[in-house]
Amino acid sequence: DGLPLRALVRLHSGSGGQVDKCLVLSCLANLSFLGLSEDICRNADIPRLVLKSLLDCEQDESVVVYAMPCAYNLSGEFSMLAELCAESQIPSILKRISENRTPQ
């Protein structure tokens, strides 16, 4: 019935802070890795939540280690890919992330 996913969306958007947001992204990334990407993306709020998290990486880089695997794992689903492609800031954010994460 989607109740666990709705609970994750509420937890992410609640007042619990960064720890809750990172926990939600981690849960979503792991669930998608287990083959549940299609089920996850049926909830229209999830792709928007992941996109918002990527955009928030500009203000808080600690989110990137949770947001990137989540976005990557879910990017095979049309709704997630559509959200990523529709946001004009994504290419510059991904470029900055890759430049900051390049091994020295």
N, C-alpha and C. Protein backbone atom coordinates (compact mmCIF):
# COMPACT_ATOMS: atom_id res chain seq x y z
N ASP A 1 0.81 -1.21 0.00
CA ASP A 1 0.00 0.00 0.00
C ASP A 1 0.85 1.26 0.00
N GLY A 2 2.15 1.15 0.05
CA GLY A 2 3.02 2.32 -0.02
C GLY A 2 3.22 3.04 1.30
N LEU A 3 2.66 2.52 2.37
CA LEU A 3 2.77 3.20 3.67
C LEU A 3 4.23 3.39 4.11
N PRO A 4 5.09 2.38 4.00
CA PRO A 4 6.48 2.60 4.41
C PRO A 4 7.16 3.72 3.61
N LEU A 5 6.88 3.80 2.31
CA LEU A 5 7.48 4.86 1.50
C LEU A 5 6.94 6.23 1.89
N ARG A 6 5.65 6.30 2.17
CA ARG A 6 5.07 7.58 2.62
C ARG A 6 5.69 8.00 3.94
N ALA A 7 5.95 7.03 4.81
CA ALA A 7 6.59 7.34 6.09
C ALA A 7 8.01 7.87 5.87
N LEU A 8 8.73 7.29 4.91
CA LEU A 8 10.07 7.78 4.61
C LEU A 8 10.03 9.20 4.06
N VAL A 9 9.05 9.49 3.21
CA VAL A 9 8.91 10.85 2.67
C VAL A 9 8.63 11.83 3.80
N ARG A 10 7.74 11.46 4.72
CA ARG A 10 7.44 12.35 5.87
C ARG A 10 8.68 12.54 6.74
N LEU A 11 9.42 11.48 6.97
CA LEU A 11 10.63 11.57 7.80
C LEU A 11 11.64 12.51 7.14
N HIS A 12 11.79 12.40 5.84
CA HIS A 12 12.74 13.26 5.12
C HIS A 12 12.34 14.72 5.19
N SER A 13 11.05 15.00 5.10
CA SER A 13 10.60 16.39 5.07
C SER A 13 10.29 16.93 6.46
N GLY A 14 10.44 16.11 7.48
CA GLY A 14 10.15 16.54 8.84
C GLY A 14 11.24 17.42 9.42
N SER A 15 11.12 17.68 10.69
CA SER A 15 12.05 18.59 11.35
C SER A 15 13.20 17.85 12.04
N GLY A 16 13.41 16.60 11.68
CA GLY A 16 14.45 15.79 12.31
C GLY A 16 15.87 16.17 11.95
N GLY A 17 16.05 16.93 10.90
CA GLY A 17 17.37 17.39 10.53
C GLY A 17 18.08 16.49 9.53
N GLN A 18 19.38 16.76 9.36
CA GLN A 18 20.18 16.07 8.36
C GLN A 18 20.27 14.57 8.60
N VAL A 19 20.33 14.15 9.85
CA VAL A 19 20.46 12.72 10.12
C VAL A 19 19.27 11.96 9.55
N ASP A 20 18.06 12.47 9.74
CA ASP A 20 16.86 11.82 9.19
C ASP A 20 16.90 11.82 7.66
N LYS A 21 17.30 12.93 7.06
CA LYS A 21 17.35 13.02 5.60
C LYS A 21 18.36 12.02 5.04
N CYS A 22 19.51 11.93 5.66
CA CYS A 22 20.53 10.99 5.20
C CYS A 22 20.09 9.55 5.41
N LEU A 23 19.41 9.28 6.51
CA LEU A 23 18.89 7.95 6.78
C LEU A 23 17.88 7.54 5.71
N VAL A 24 16.98 8.44 5.35
CA VAL A 24 15.98 8.15 4.32
C VAL A 24 16.65 7.86 2.99
N LEU A 25 17.59 8.70 2.59
CA LEU A 25 18.29 8.49 1.33
C LEU A 25 19.04 7.16 1.33
N SER A 26 19.64 6.83 2.46
CA SER A 26 20.35 5.55 2.56
C SER A 26 19.38 4.38 2.42
N CYS A 27 18.23 4.47 3.07
CA CYS A 27 17.21 3.41 2.96
C CYS A 27 16.75 3.26 1.52
N LEU A 28 16.47 4.37 0.86
CA LEU A 28 16.00 4.31 -0.52
C LEU A 28 17.06 3.74 -1.45
N ALA A 29 18.31 4.14 -1.26
CA ALA A 29 19.40 3.60 -2.10
C ALA A 29 19.53 2.10 -1.91
N ASN A 30 19.45 1.64 -0.68
CA ASN A 30 19.57 0.20 -0.41
C ASN A 30 18.37 -0.58 -0.91
N LEU A 31 17.18 -0.04 -0.75
CA LEU A 31 15.99 -0.73 -1.27
C LEU A 31 16.04 -0.82 -2.79
N SER A 32 16.49 0.24 -3.43
CA SER A 32 16.58 0.20 -4.89
C SER A 32 17.66 -0.78 -5.34
N PHE A 33 18.74 -0.86 -4.60
CA PHE A 33 19.80 -1.82 -4.91
C PHE A 33 19.26 -3.25 -4.84
N LEU A 34 18.30 -3.47 -3.98
CA LEU A 34 17.69 -4.80 -3.83
C LEU A 34 16.64 -5.09 -4.91
N GLY A 35 16.45 -4.16 -5.84
CA GLY A 35 15.54 -4.40 -6.95
C GLY A 35 14.17 -3.77 -6.80
N LEU A 36 14.02 -2.84 -5.89
CA LEU A 36 12.71 -2.23 -5.65
C LEU A 36 12.56 -0.84 -6.25
N SER A 37 13.41 -0.49 -7.20
CA SER A 37 13.36 0.86 -7.78
C SER A 37 12.01 1.20 -8.37
N GLU A 38 11.42 0.27 -9.10
CA GLU A 38 10.12 0.54 -9.72
C GLU A 38 9.07 0.81 -8.65
N ASP A 39 9.06 0.01 -7.61
CA ASP A 39 8.10 0.20 -6.52
C ASP A 39 8.33 1.55 -5.82
N ILE A 40 9.58 1.89 -5.62
CA ILE A 40 9.92 3.14 -4.94
C ILE A 40 9.44 4.33 -5.76
N CYS A 41 9.70 4.30 -7.06
CA CYS A 41 9.38 5.45 -7.90
C CYS A 41 7.90 5.55 -8.25
N ARG A 42 7.11 4.55 -7.87
CA ARG A 42 5.65 4.69 -8.04
C ARG A 42 5.12 5.80 -7.15
N ASN A 43 5.80 6.03 -6.04
CA ASN A 43 5.45 7.15 -5.18
C ASN A 43 6.06 8.40 -5.80
N ALA A 44 5.23 9.27 -6.34
CA ALA A 44 5.71 10.45 -7.08
C ALA A 44 6.55 11.39 -6.23
N ASP A 45 6.43 11.31 -4.92
CA ASP A 45 7.21 12.19 -4.05
C ASP A 45 8.68 11.78 -3.97
N ILE A 46 8.97 10.52 -4.22
CA ILE A 46 10.34 10.03 -4.06
C ILE A 46 11.31 10.67 -5.06
N PRO A 47 11.02 10.66 -6.37
CA PRO A 47 11.96 11.32 -7.28
C PRO A 47 12.17 12.80 -6.94
N ARG A 48 11.11 13.49 -6.53
CA ARG A 48 11.26 14.91 -6.14
C ARG A 48 12.12 15.04 -4.89
N LEU A 49 11.95 14.12 -3.95
CA LEU A 49 12.74 14.13 -2.72
C LEU A 49 14.23 13.94 -3.04
N VAL A 50 14.53 13.00 -3.93
CA VAL A 50 15.92 12.74 -4.31
C VAL A 50 16.50 13.95 -5.04
N LEU A 51 15.73 14.53 -5.95
CA LEU A 51 16.18 15.72 -6.66
C LEU A 51 16.45 16.86 -5.69
N LYS A 52 15.54 17.09 -4.76
CA LYS A 52 15.73 18.15 -3.76
C LYS A 52 17.00 17.91 -2.95
N SER A 53 17.26 16.66 -2.63
CA SER A 53 18.47 16.33 -1.88
C SER A 53 19.72 16.65 -2.68
N LEU A 54 19.70 16.35 -3.98
CA LEU A 54 20.85 16.70 -4.82
C LEU A 54 21.03 18.21 -4.87
N LEU A 55 19.94 18.94 -5.00
CA LEU A 55 20.03 20.40 -5.02
C LEU A 55 20.53 20.93 -3.68
N ASP A 56 20.16 20.27 -2.59
CA ASP A 56 20.60 20.70 -1.26
C ASP A 56 22.09 20.46 -1.04
N CYS A 57 22.70 19.65 -1.88
CA CYS A 57 24.14 19.39 -1.74
C CYS A 57 24.95 20.67 -1.87
N GLU A 58 24.37 21.68 -2.53
CA GLU A 58 25.05 22.97 -2.66
C GLU A 58 25.26 23.61 -1.29
N GLN A 59 24.28 23.46 -0.38
CA GLN A 59 24.38 24.05 0.94
C GLN A 59 25.02 23.11 1.96
N ASP A 60 24.88 21.81 1.77
CA ASP A 60 25.40 20.85 2.75
C ASP A 60 26.00 19.66 2.01
N GLU A 61 27.31 19.67 1.86
CA GLU A 61 27.98 18.63 1.10
C GLU A 61 27.94 17.25 1.76
N SER A 62 27.58 17.19 3.03
CA SER A 62 27.52 15.89 3.69
C SER A 62 26.40 15.02 3.13
N VAL A 63 25.42 15.64 2.49
CA VAL A 63 24.27 14.92 1.93
C VAL A 63 24.67 14.17 0.66
N VAL A 64 25.71 14.62 0.00
CA VAL A 64 26.07 14.05 -1.31
C VAL A 64 26.36 12.56 -1.25
N VAL A 65 26.96 12.08 -0.18
CA VAL A 65 27.30 10.65 -0.10
C VAL A 65 26.05 9.78 0.03
N TYR A 66 24.93 10.37 0.34
CA TYR A 66 23.65 9.65 0.40
C TYR A 66 22.79 9.92 -0.83
N ALA A 67 22.81 11.16 -1.29
CA ALA A 67 21.96 11.55 -2.42
C ALA A 67 22.43 10.94 -3.74
N MET A 68 23.74 10.91 -3.97
CA MET A 68 24.25 10.39 -5.24
C MET A 68 23.95 8.91 -5.45
N PRO A 69 24.23 8.03 -4.48
CA PRO A 69 23.89 6.62 -4.70
C PRO A 69 22.38 6.41 -4.90
N CYS A 70 21.59 7.18 -4.20
CA CYS A 70 20.14 7.07 -4.32
C CYS A 70 19.71 7.48 -5.73
N ALA A 71 20.19 8.62 -6.19
CA ALA A 71 19.85 9.09 -7.54
C ALA A 71 20.34 8.11 -8.60
N TYR A 72 21.55 7.62 -8.42
CA TYR A 72 22.11 6.67 -9.39
C TYR A 72 21.27 5.39 -9.44
N ASN A 73 20.97 4.83 -8.29
CA ASN A 73 20.21 3.57 -8.25
C ASN A 73 18.81 3.72 -8.83
N LEU A 74 18.21 4.88 -8.64
CA LEU A 74 16.84 5.09 -9.12
C LEU A 74 16.77 5.66 -10.54
N SER A 75 17.90 6.04 -11.11
CA SER A 75 17.90 6.73 -12.41
C SER A 75 17.45 5.85 -13.56
N GLY A 76 17.33 4.57 -13.36
CA GLY A 76 16.80 3.68 -14.39
C GLY A 76 15.28 3.76 -14.53
N GLU A 77 14.65 4.41 -13.58
CA GLU A 77 13.19 4.58 -13.62
C GLU A 77 12.85 5.90 -14.29
N PHE A 78 11.84 5.85 -15.17
CA PHE A 78 11.49 7.03 -15.96
C PHE A 78 11.22 8.25 -15.10
N SER A 79 10.45 8.10 -14.03
CA SER A 79 10.08 9.27 -13.23
C SER A 79 11.30 9.93 -12.59
N MET A 80 12.28 9.14 -12.18
CA MET A 80 13.50 9.70 -11.60
C MET A 80 14.32 10.38 -12.68
N LEU A 81 14.48 9.72 -13.80
CA LEU A 81 15.25 10.29 -14.91
C LEU A 81 14.60 11.58 -15.41
N ALA A 82 13.28 11.61 -15.48
CA ALA A 82 12.57 12.82 -15.91
C ALA A 82 12.84 13.98 -14.96
N GLU A 83 12.82 13.71 -13.66
CA GLU A 83 13.11 14.78 -12.67
C GLU A 83 14.53 15.30 -12.85
N LEU A 84 15.48 14.39 -13.03
CA LEU A 84 16.87 14.79 -13.18
C LEU A 84 17.08 15.61 -14.45
N CYS A 85 16.47 15.17 -15.55
CA CYS A 85 16.64 15.85 -16.83
C CYS A 85 15.93 17.20 -16.88
N ALA A 86 14.88 17.36 -16.10
CA ALA A 86 14.11 18.61 -16.11
C ALA A 86 14.78 19.72 -15.31
N GLU A 87 15.70 19.37 -14.44
CA GLU A 87 16.33 20.36 -13.56
C GLU A 87 17.62 20.87 -14.20
N SER A 88 17.64 22.14 -14.53
CA SER A 88 18.78 22.72 -15.25
C SER A 88 20.06 22.78 -14.40
N GLN A 89 19.95 22.73 -13.09
CA GLN A 89 21.14 22.84 -12.23
C GLN A 89 21.88 21.51 -12.06
N ILE A 90 21.26 20.40 -12.43
CA ILE A 90 21.86 19.09 -12.20
C ILE A 90 23.23 18.94 -12.86
N PRO A 91 23.41 19.31 -14.15
CA PRO A 91 24.75 19.13 -14.74
C PRO A 91 25.86 19.86 -13.98
N SER A 92 25.59 21.09 -13.56
CA SER A 92 26.63 21.83 -12.83
C SER A 92 26.87 21.25 -11.44
N ILE A 93 25.82 20.76 -10.81
CA ILE A 93 25.98 20.12 -9.49
C ILE A 93 26.81 18.84 -9.63
N LEU A 94 26.49 18.02 -10.62
CA LEU A 94 27.24 16.78 -10.83
C LEU A 94 28.69 17.07 -11.18
N LYS A 95 28.93 18.10 -11.95
CA LYS A 95 30.31 18.48 -12.29
C LYS A 95 31.08 18.88 -11.04
N ARG A 96 30.46 19.71 -10.20
CA ARG A 96 31.13 20.14 -8.96
C ARG A 96 31.40 18.95 -8.04
N ILE A 97 30.42 18.06 -7.95
CA ILE A 97 30.59 16.88 -7.10
C ILE A 97 31.76 16.04 -7.61
N SER A 98 31.83 15.83 -8.91
CA SER A 98 32.91 15.00 -9.46
C SER A 98 34.27 15.66 -9.27
N GLU A 99 34.32 16.96 -9.37
CA GLU A 99 35.59 17.67 -9.16
C GLU A 99 36.03 17.60 -7.71
N ASN A 100 35.08 17.65 -6.78
CA ASN A 100 35.39 17.58 -5.35
C ASN A 100 35.72 16.17 -4.89
N ARG A 101 35.29 15.16 -5.62
CA ARG A 101 35.46 13.77 -5.21
C ARG A 101 36.61 13.09 -5.95
N THR A 102 37.30 13.79 -6.83
CA THR A 102 38.38 13.18 -7.59
C THR A 102 39.55 12.87 -6.65
N PRO A 103 40.02 11.60 -6.64
CA PRO A 103 41.16 11.26 -5.78
C PRO A 103 42.39 12.07 -6.14
N GLN A 104 43.14 12.44 -5.15
CA GLN A 104 44.35 13.26 -5.34
C GLN A 104 45.54 12.41 -5.67
